[in-house]
Amino acid sequence: MQGPDAVAGNRAAFLTMKGQLLQSHSGQYVAFKDGQLVGADSDDRALVKRLYHQFGVVPLYVKLVEDEEHVYHLSSPRKVR
């Protein structure tokens, strides 16, 4: 699975497991590949580096496990007339 389908599938797997992940990996980054949890670490860069070494450079879904999602609202630049 690659491209947008891979992202959607891995995100869905994360959301399905989120309750379990909050108990076992709260505050850590987790990575999903092909719908499966493949790693966790407190350092997202170390996690990705380790998994790229293990699987090669493949699409991964990496997300911080936290109770609340942080949503940022950014205003777009406006043209001044």
PDB file of N, CA and C in Angstrom:
ATOM      1  N   MET A   1       0.839  -1.173   0.000  1.00  0.00           N
ATOM      2  CA  MET A   1       0.000   0.000   0.000  1.00  0.00           C
ATOM      3  C   MET A   1       0.890   1.244   0.000  1.00  0.00           C
ATOM      4  N   GLN A   2       0.595   2.188  -0.899  1.00  0.00           N
ATOM      5  CA  GLN A   2       1.397   3.400  -0.975  1.00  0.00           C
ATOM      6  C   GLN A   2       0.498   4.600  -1.219  1.00  0.00           C
ATOM      7  N   GLY A   3       1.072   5.787  -1.085  1.00  0.00           N
ATOM      8  CA  GLY A   3       0.354   7.015  -1.383  1.00  0.00           C
ATOM      9  C   GLY A   3      -0.730   7.325  -0.365  1.00  0.00           C
ATOM     10  N   PRO A   4      -1.772   8.046  -0.819  1.00  0.00           N
ATOM     11  CA  PRO A   4      -2.846   8.458   0.087  1.00  0.00           C
ATOM     12  C   PRO A   4      -3.553   7.291   0.777  1.00  0.00           C
ATOM     13  N   ASP A   5      -3.665   6.158   0.082  1.00  0.00           N
ATOM     14  CA  ASP A   5      -4.310   4.993   0.691  1.00  0.00           C
ATOM     15  C   ASP A   5      -3.508   4.479   1.888  1.00  0.00           C
ATOM     16  N   ALA A   6      -2.188   4.511   1.766  1.00  0.00           N
ATOM     17  CA  ALA A   6      -1.332   4.056   2.863  1.00  0.00           C
ATOM     18  C   ALA A   6      -1.489   4.978   4.066  1.00  0.00           C
ATOM     19  N   VAL A   7      -1.508   6.274   3.815  1.00  0.00           N
ATOM     20  CA  VAL A   7      -1.667   7.240   4.915  1.00  0.00           C
ATOM     21  C   VAL A   7      -3.014   7.025   5.591  1.00  0.00           C
ATOM     22  N   ALA A   8      -4.069   6.914   4.805  1.00  0.00           N
ATOM     23  CA  ALA A   8      -5.412   6.728   5.365  1.00  0.00           C
ATOM     24  C   ALA A   8      -5.511   5.426   6.145  1.00  0.00           C
ATOM     25  N   GLY A   9      -4.951   4.354   5.612  1.00  0.00           N
ATOM     26  CA  GLY A   9      -4.999   3.062   6.300  1.00  0.00           C
ATOM     27  C   GLY A   9      -4.221   3.063   7.602  1.00  0.00           C
ATOM     28  N   ASN A  10      -3.052   3.685   7.582  1.00  0.00           N
ATOM     29  CA  ASN A  10      -2.237   3.740   8.796  1.00  0.00           C
ATOM     30  C   ASN A  10      -2.852   4.674   9.829  1.00  0.00           C
ATOM     31  N   ARG A  11      -3.455   5.769   9.378  1.00  0.00           N
ATOM     32  CA  ARG A  11      -4.140   6.679  10.309  1.00  0.00           C
ATOM     33  C   ARG A  11      -5.336   5.966  10.944  1.00  0.00           C
ATOM     34  N   ALA A  12      -6.074   5.217  10.140  1.00  0.00           N
ATOM     35  CA  ALA A  12      -7.223   4.465  10.659  1.00  0.00           C
ATOM     36  C   ALA A  12      -6.762   3.443  11.698  1.00  0.00           C
ATOM     37  N   ALA A  13      -5.652   2.780  11.442  1.00  0.00           N
ATOM     38  CA  ALA A  13      -5.114   1.811  12.399  1.00  0.00           C
ATOM     39  C   ALA A  13      -4.731   2.511  13.699  1.00  0.00           C
ATOM     40  N   PHE A  14      -4.110   3.689  13.589  1.00  0.00           N
ATOM     41  CA  PHE A  14      -3.753   4.467  14.782  1.00  0.00           C
ATOM     42  C   PHE A  14      -5.002   4.810  15.581  1.00  0.00           C
ATOM     43  N   LEU A  15      -6.022   5.317  14.899  1.00  0.00           N
ATOM     44  CA  LEU A  15      -7.247   5.717  15.602  1.00  0.00           C
ATOM     45  C   LEU A  15      -7.939   4.521  16.247  1.00  0.00           C
ATOM     46  N   THR A  16      -7.915   3.382  15.591  1.00  0.00           N
ATOM     47  CA  THR A  16      -8.514   2.167  16.145  1.00  0.00           C
ATOM     48  C   THR A  16      -7.800   1.744  17.427  1.00  0.00           C
ATOM     49  N   MET A  17      -6.485   1.897  17.448  1.00  0.00           N
ATOM     50  CA  MET A  17      -5.682   1.454  18.595  1.00  0.00           C
ATOM     51  C   MET A  17      -5.434   2.556  19.627  1.00  0.00           C
ATOM     52  N   LYS A  18      -5.957   3.761  19.389  1.00  0.00           N
ATOM     53  CA  LYS A  18      -5.598   4.903  20.226  1.00  0.00           C
ATOM     54  C   LYS A  18      -5.840   4.654  21.715  1.00  0.00           C
ATOM     55  N   GLY A  19      -6.945   4.025  22.075  1.00  0.00           N
ATOM     56  CA  GLY A  19      -7.224   3.731  23.483  1.00  0.00           C
ATOM     57  C   GLY A  19      -6.137   2.877  24.110  1.00  0.00           C
ATOM     58  N   GLN A  20      -5.728   1.841  23.421  1.00  0.00           N
ATOM     59  CA  GLN A  20      -4.644   0.977  23.894  1.00  0.00           C
ATOM     60  C   GLN A  20      -3.325   1.732  23.945  1.00  0.00           C
ATOM     61  N   LEU A  21      -3.074   2.523  22.911  1.00  0.00           N
ATOM     62  CA  LEU A  21      -1.817   3.267  22.836  1.00  0.00           C
ATOM     63  C   LEU A  21      -1.708   4.292  23.958  1.00  0.00           C
ATOM     64  N   LEU A  22      -2.826   4.900  24.346  1.00  0.00           N
ATOM     65  CA  LEU A  22      -2.796   5.856  25.453  1.00  0.00           C
ATOM     66  C   LEU A  22      -2.360   5.179  26.748  1.00  0.00           C
ATOM     67  N   GLN A  23      -2.719   3.919  26.914  1.00  0.00           N
ATOM     68  CA  GLN A  23      -2.327   3.176  28.119  1.00  0.00           C
ATOM     69  C   GLN A  23      -0.885   2.698  28.045  1.00  0.00           C
ATOM     70  N   SER A  24      -0.432   2.310  26.862  1.00  0.00           N
ATOM     71  CA  SER A  24       0.892   1.690  26.756  1.00  0.00           C
ATOM     72  C   SER A  24       1.994   2.611  26.240  1.00  0.00           C
ATOM     73  N   HIS A  25       1.639   3.654  25.480  1.00  0.00           N
ATOM     74  CA  HIS A  25       2.657   4.498  24.842  1.00  0.00           C
ATOM     75  C   HIS A  25       2.374   5.996  24.972  1.00  0.00           C
ATOM     76  N   SER A  26       1.652   6.400  25.998  1.00  0.00           N
ATOM     77  CA  SER A  26       1.316   7.811  26.169  1.00  0.00           C
ATOM     78  C   SER A  26       2.585   8.660  26.228  1.00  0.00           C
ATOM     79  N   GLY A  27       2.592   9.748  25.450  1.00  0.00           N
ATOM     80  CA  GLY A  27       3.750  10.633  25.423  1.00  0.00           C
ATOM     81  C   GLY A  27       4.861  10.180  24.493  1.00  0.00           C
ATOM     82  N   GLN A  28       4.664   9.068  23.822  1.00  0.00           N
ATOM     83  CA  GLN A  28       5.668   8.565  22.881  1.00  0.00           C
ATOM     84  C   GLN A  28       5.154   8.704  21.450  1.00  0.00           C
ATOM     85  N   TYR A  29       6.086   8.675  20.530  1.00  0.00           N
ATOM     86  CA  TYR A  29       5.738   8.629  19.110  1.00  0.00           C
ATOM     87  C   TYR A  29       5.598   7.164  18.721  1.00  0.00           C
ATOM     88  N   VAL A  30       4.577   6.885  17.931  1.00  0.00           N
ATOM     89  CA  VAL A  30       4.386   5.530  17.418  1.00  0.00           C
ATOM     90  C   VAL A  30       4.418   5.594  15.896  1.00  0.00           C
ATOM     91  N   ALA A  31       4.801   4.497  15.283  1.00  0.00           N
ATOM     92  CA  ALA A  31       4.877   4.429  13.826  1.00  0.00           C
ATOM     93  C   ALA A  31       4.075   3.237  13.326  1.00  0.00           C
ATOM     94  N   PHE A  32       3.339   3.481  12.242  1.00  0.00           N
ATOM     95  CA  PHE A  32       2.550   2.436  11.598  1.00  0.00           C
ATOM     96  C   PHE A  32       3.024   2.271  10.154  1.00  0.00           C
ATOM     97  N   LYS A  33       3.070   1.017   9.745  1.00  0.00           N
ATOM     98  CA  LYS A  33       3.414   0.645   8.364  1.00  0.00           C
ATOM     99  C   LYS A  33       2.469  -0.472   7.958  1.00  0.00           C
ATOM    100  N   ASP A  34       1.826  -0.321   6.841  1.00  0.00           N
ATOM    101  CA  ASP A  34       0.876  -1.328   6.342  1.00  0.00           C
ATOM    102  C   ASP A  34      -0.181  -1.676   7.384  1.00  0.00           C
ATOM    103  N   GLY A  35      -0.645  -0.672   8.139  1.00  0.00           N
ATOM    104  CA  GLY A  35      -1.707  -0.871   9.116  1.00  0.00           C
ATOM    105  C   GLY A  35      -1.277  -1.522  10.413  1.00  0.00           C
ATOM    106  N   GLN A  36       0.033  -1.715  10.600  1.00  0.00           N
ATOM    107  CA  GLN A  36       0.553  -2.380  11.797  1.00  0.00           C
ATOM    108  C   GLN A  36       1.457  -1.437  12.583  1.00  0.00           C
ATOM    109  N   LEU A  37       1.379  -1.509  13.893  1.00  0.00           N
ATOM    110  CA  LEU A  37       2.292  -0.774  14.750  1.00  0.00           C
ATOM    111  C   LEU A  37       3.672  -1.414  14.611  1.00  0.00           C
ATOM    112  N   VAL A  38       4.659  -0.610  14.190  1.00  0.00           N
ATOM    113  CA  VAL A  38       5.994  -1.180  13.949  1.00  0.00           C
ATOM    114  C   VAL A  38       7.061  -0.602  14.872  1.00  0.00           C
ATOM    115  N   GLY A  39       6.707   0.404  15.684  1.00  0.00           N
ATOM    116  CA  GLY A  39       7.705   0.943  16.590  1.00  0.00           C
ATOM    117  C   GLY A  39       7.175   2.082  17.428  1.00  0.00           C
ATOM    118  N   ALA A  40       7.917   2.373  18.504  1.00  0.00           N
ATOM    119  CA  ALA A  40       7.581   3.483  19.392  1.00  0.00           C
ATOM    120  C   ALA A  40       8.866   4.007  20.015  1.00  0.00           C
ATOM    121  N   ASP A  41       8.890   5.317  20.272  1.00  0.00           N
ATOM    122  CA  ASP A  41      10.070   5.941  20.867  1.00  0.00           C
ATOM    123  C   ASP A  41       9.673   7.323  21.359  1.00  0.00           C
ATOM    124  N   SER A  42      10.401   7.846  22.325  1.00  0.00           N
ATOM    125  CA  SER A  42      10.145   9.206  22.797  1.00  0.00           C
ATOM    126  C   SER A  42      10.741  10.241  21.839  1.00  0.00           C
ATOM    127  N   ASP A  43      11.619   9.805  20.946  1.00  0.00           N
ATOM    128  CA  ASP A  43      12.275  10.684  19.973  1.00  0.00           C
ATOM    129  C   ASP A  43      11.818  10.287  18.571  1.00  0.00           C
ATOM    130  N   ASP A  44      11.042  11.161  17.922  1.00  0.00           N
ATOM    131  CA  ASP A  44      10.489  10.806  16.611  1.00  0.00           C
ATOM    132  C   ASP A  44      11.571  10.599  15.552  1.00  0.00           C
ATOM    133  N   ARG A  45      12.640  11.369  15.622  1.00  0.00           N
ATOM    134  CA  ARG A  45      13.715  11.213  14.628  1.00  0.00           C
ATOM    135  C   ARG A  45      14.450   9.891  14.804  1.00  0.00           C
ATOM    136  N   ALA A  46      14.709   9.521  16.043  1.00  0.00           N
ATOM    137  CA  ALA A  46      15.370   8.240  16.302  1.00  0.00           C
ATOM    138  C   ALA A  46      14.481   7.085  15.843  1.00  0.00           C
ATOM    139  N   LEU A  47      13.179   7.220  16.055  1.00  0.00           N
ATOM    140  CA  LEU A  47      12.231   6.185  15.636  1.00  0.00           C
ATOM    141  C   LEU A  47      12.266   6.004  14.124  1.00  0.00           C
ATOM    142  N   VAL A  48      12.160   7.100  13.388  1.00  0.00           N
ATOM    143  CA  VAL A  48      12.158   7.025  11.928  1.00  0.00           C
ATOM    144  C   VAL A  48      13.492   6.487  11.415  1.00  0.00           C
ATOM    145  N   LYS A  49      14.583   6.949  11.983  1.00  0.00           N
ATOM    146  CA  LYS A  49      15.903   6.475  11.556  1.00  0.00           C
ATOM    147  C   LYS A  49      16.020   4.960  11.752  1.00  0.00           C
ATOM    148  N   ARG A  50      15.590   4.478  12.910  1.00  0.00           N
ATOM    149  CA  ARG A  50      15.650   3.043  13.198  1.00  0.00           C
ATOM    150  C   ARG A  50      14.779   2.242  12.226  1.00  0.00           C
ATOM    151  N   LEU A  51      13.577   2.756  11.952  1.00  0.00           N
ATOM    152  CA  LEU A  51      12.661   2.022  11.074  1.00  0.00           C
ATOM    153  C   LEU A  51      13.110   2.081   9.613  1.00  0.00           C
ATOM    154  N   TYR A  52      13.703   3.188   9.182  1.00  0.00           N
ATOM    155  CA  TYR A  52      14.249   3.244   7.826  1.00  0.00           C
ATOM    156  C   TYR A  52      15.399   2.250   7.682  1.00  0.00           C
ATOM    157  N   HIS A  53      16.173   2.103   8.734  1.00  0.00           N
ATOM    158  CA  HIS A  53      17.259   1.115   8.706  1.00  0.00           C
ATOM    159  C   HIS A  53      16.691  -0.304   8.611  1.00  0.00           C
ATOM    160  N   GLN A  54      15.582  -0.533   9.315  1.00  0.00           N
ATOM    161  CA  GLN A  54      14.971  -1.857   9.342  1.00  0.00           C
ATOM    162  C   GLN A  54      14.215  -2.182   8.047  1.00  0.00           C
ATOM    163  N   PHE A  55      13.414  -1.214   7.541  1.00  0.00           N
ATOM    164  CA  PHE A  55      12.533  -1.481   6.404  1.00  0.00           C
ATOM    165  C   PHE A  55      12.974  -0.821   5.094  1.00  0.00           C
ATOM    166  N   GLY A  56      13.975   0.052   5.148  1.00  0.00           N
ATOM    167  CA  GLY A  56      14.283   0.881   3.997  1.00  0.00           C
ATOM    168  C   GLY A  56      13.423   2.139   4.063  1.00  0.00           C
ATOM    169  N   VAL A  57      13.618   3.011   3.108  1.00  0.00           N
ATOM    170  CA  VAL A  57      12.844   4.260   3.098  1.00  0.00           C
ATOM    171  C   VAL A  57      11.471   3.965   2.498  1.00  0.00           C
ATOM    172  N   VAL A  58      10.513   3.762   3.392  1.00  0.00           N
ATOM    173  CA  VAL A  58       9.142   3.427   3.023  1.00  0.00           C
ATOM    174  C   VAL A  58       8.207   4.403   3.725  1.00  0.00           C
ATOM    175  N   PRO A  59       6.976   4.542   3.230  1.00  0.00           N
ATOM    176  CA  PRO A  59       6.028   5.426   3.907  1.00  0.00           C
ATOM    177  C   PRO A  59       5.696   4.906   5.314  1.00  0.00           C
ATOM    178  N   LEU A  60       5.766   5.805   6.280  1.00  0.00           N
ATOM    179  CA  LEU A  60       5.412   5.495   7.660  1.00  0.00           C
ATOM    180  C   LEU A  60       4.425   6.546   8.153  1.00  0.00           C
ATOM    181  N   TYR A  61       3.542   6.156   9.030  1.00  0.00           N
ATOM    182  CA  TYR A  61       2.660   7.113   9.708  1.00  0.00           C
ATOM    183  C   TYR A  61       3.183   7.231  11.130  1.00  0.00           C
ATOM    184  N   VAL A  62       3.716   8.405  11.483  1.00  0.00           N
ATOM    185  CA  VAL A  62       4.311   8.628  12.799  1.00  0.00           C
ATOM    186  C   VAL A  62       3.470   9.667  13.520  1.00  0.00           C
ATOM    187  N   LYS A  63       3.058   9.350  14.739  1.00  0.00           N
ATOM    188  CA  LYS A  63       2.155  10.232  15.480  1.00  0.00           C
ATOM    189  C   LYS A  63       2.485  10.178  16.955  1.00  0.00           C
ATOM    190  N   LEU A  64       2.409  11.333  17.615  1.00  0.00           N
ATOM    191  CA  LEU A  64       2.571  11.411  19.057  1.00  0.00           C
ATOM    192  C   LEU A  64       1.288  10.928  19.709  1.00  0.00           C
ATOM    193  N   VAL A  65       1.410  10.038  20.670  1.00  0.00           N
ATOM    194  CA  VAL A  65       0.246   9.521  21.383  1.00  0.00           C
ATOM    195  C   VAL A  65      -0.048  10.473  22.533  1.00  0.00           C
ATOM    196  N   GLU A  66      -1.179  11.161  22.430  1.00  0.00           N
ATOM    197  CA  GLU A  66      -1.582  12.101  23.461  1.00  0.00           C
ATOM    198  C   GLU A  66      -3.094  12.124  23.556  1.00  0.00           C
ATOM    199  N   ASP A  67      -3.575  12.524  24.717  1.00  0.00           N
ATOM    200  CA  ASP A  67      -5.013  12.557  24.978  1.00  0.00           C
ATOM    201  C   ASP A  67      -5.756  13.477  24.021  1.00  0.00           C
ATOM    202  N   GLU A  68      -5.251  14.687  23.876  1.00  0.00           N
ATOM    203  CA  GLU A  68      -5.922  15.684  23.048  1.00  0.00           C
ATOM    204  C   GLU A  68      -5.091  16.001  21.813  1.00  0.00           C
ATOM    205  N   GLU A  69      -5.770  16.131  20.708  1.00  0.00           N
ATOM    206  CA  GLU A  69      -5.114  16.538  19.464  1.00  0.00           C
ATOM    207  C   GLU A  69      -4.897  18.046  19.523  1.00  0.00           C
ATOM    208  N   HIS A  70      -3.760  18.497  19.069  1.00  0.00           N
ATOM    209  CA  HIS A  70      -3.506  19.927  18.966  1.00  0.00           C
ATOM    210  C   HIS A  70      -3.864  20.371  17.558  1.00  0.00           C
ATOM    211  N   VAL A  71      -4.771  21.321  17.475  1.00  0.00           N
ATOM    212  CA  VAL A  71      -5.185  21.857  16.189  1.00  0.00           C
ATOM    213  C   VAL A  71      -4.715  23.302  16.125  1.00  0.00           C
ATOM    214  N   TYR A  72      -4.022  23.623  15.083  1.00  0.00           N
ATOM    215  CA  TYR A  72      -3.516  24.977  14.898  1.00  0.00           C
ATOM    216  C   TYR A  72      -4.282  25.640  13.763  1.00  0.00           C
ATOM    217  N   HIS A  73      -4.806  26.804  14.037  1.00  0.00           N
ATOM    218  CA  HIS A  73      -5.519  27.575  13.019  1.00  0.00           C
ATOM    219  C   HIS A  73      -4.612  28.710  12.575  1.00  0.00           C
ATOM    220  N   LEU A  74      -4.258  28.685  11.328  1.00  0.00           N
ATOM    221  CA  LEU A  74      -3.379  29.701  10.770  1.00  0.00           C
ATOM    222  C   LEU A  74      -4.159  30.526   9.758  1.00  0.00           C
ATOM    223  N   SER A  75      -4.098  31.821   9.910  1.00  0.00           N
ATOM    224  CA  SER A  75      -4.768  32.652   8.916  1.00  0.00           C
ATOM    225  C   SER A  75      -3.881  32.760   7.689  1.00  0.00           C
ATOM    226  N   SER A  76      -4.519  32.821   6.550  1.00  0.00           N
ATOM    227  CA  SER A  76      -3.735  32.920   5.324  1.00  0.00           C
ATOM    228  C   SER A  76      -3.378  34.387   5.080  1.00  0.00           C
ATOM    229  N   PRO A  77      -2.302  34.612   4.372  1.00  0.00           N
ATOM    230  CA  PRO A  77      -1.907  35.992   4.080  1.00  0.00           C
ATOM    231  C   PRO A  77      -3.000  36.692   3.265  1.00  0.00           C
ATOM    232  N   ARG A  78      -3.159  37.969   3.531  1.00  0.00           N
ATOM    233  CA  ARG A  78      -4.160  38.741   2.788  1.00  0.00           C
ATOM    234  C   ARG A  78      -3.457  39.758   1.918  1.00  0.00           C
ATOM    235  N   LYS A  79      -4.023  39.948   0.775  1.00  0.00           N
ATOM    236  CA  LYS A  79      -3.470  40.938  -0.155  1.00  0.00           C
ATOM    237  C   LYS A  79      -3.953  42.319   0.274  1.00  0.00           C
ATOM    238  N   VAL A  80      -3.025  43.226   0.441  1.00  0.00           N
ATOM    239  CA  VAL A  80      -3.374  44.602   0.831  1.00  0.00           C
ATOM    240  C   VAL A  80      -3.578  45.415  -0.422  1.00  0.00           C
ATOM    241  N   ARG A  81      -4.700  46.110  -0.482  1.00  0.00           N
ATOM    242  CA  ARG A  81      -4.982  46.925  -1.670  1.00  0.00           C
ATOM    243  C   ARG A  81      -4.828  48.385  -1.358  1.00  0.00           C
TER     244      ARG A  81
END
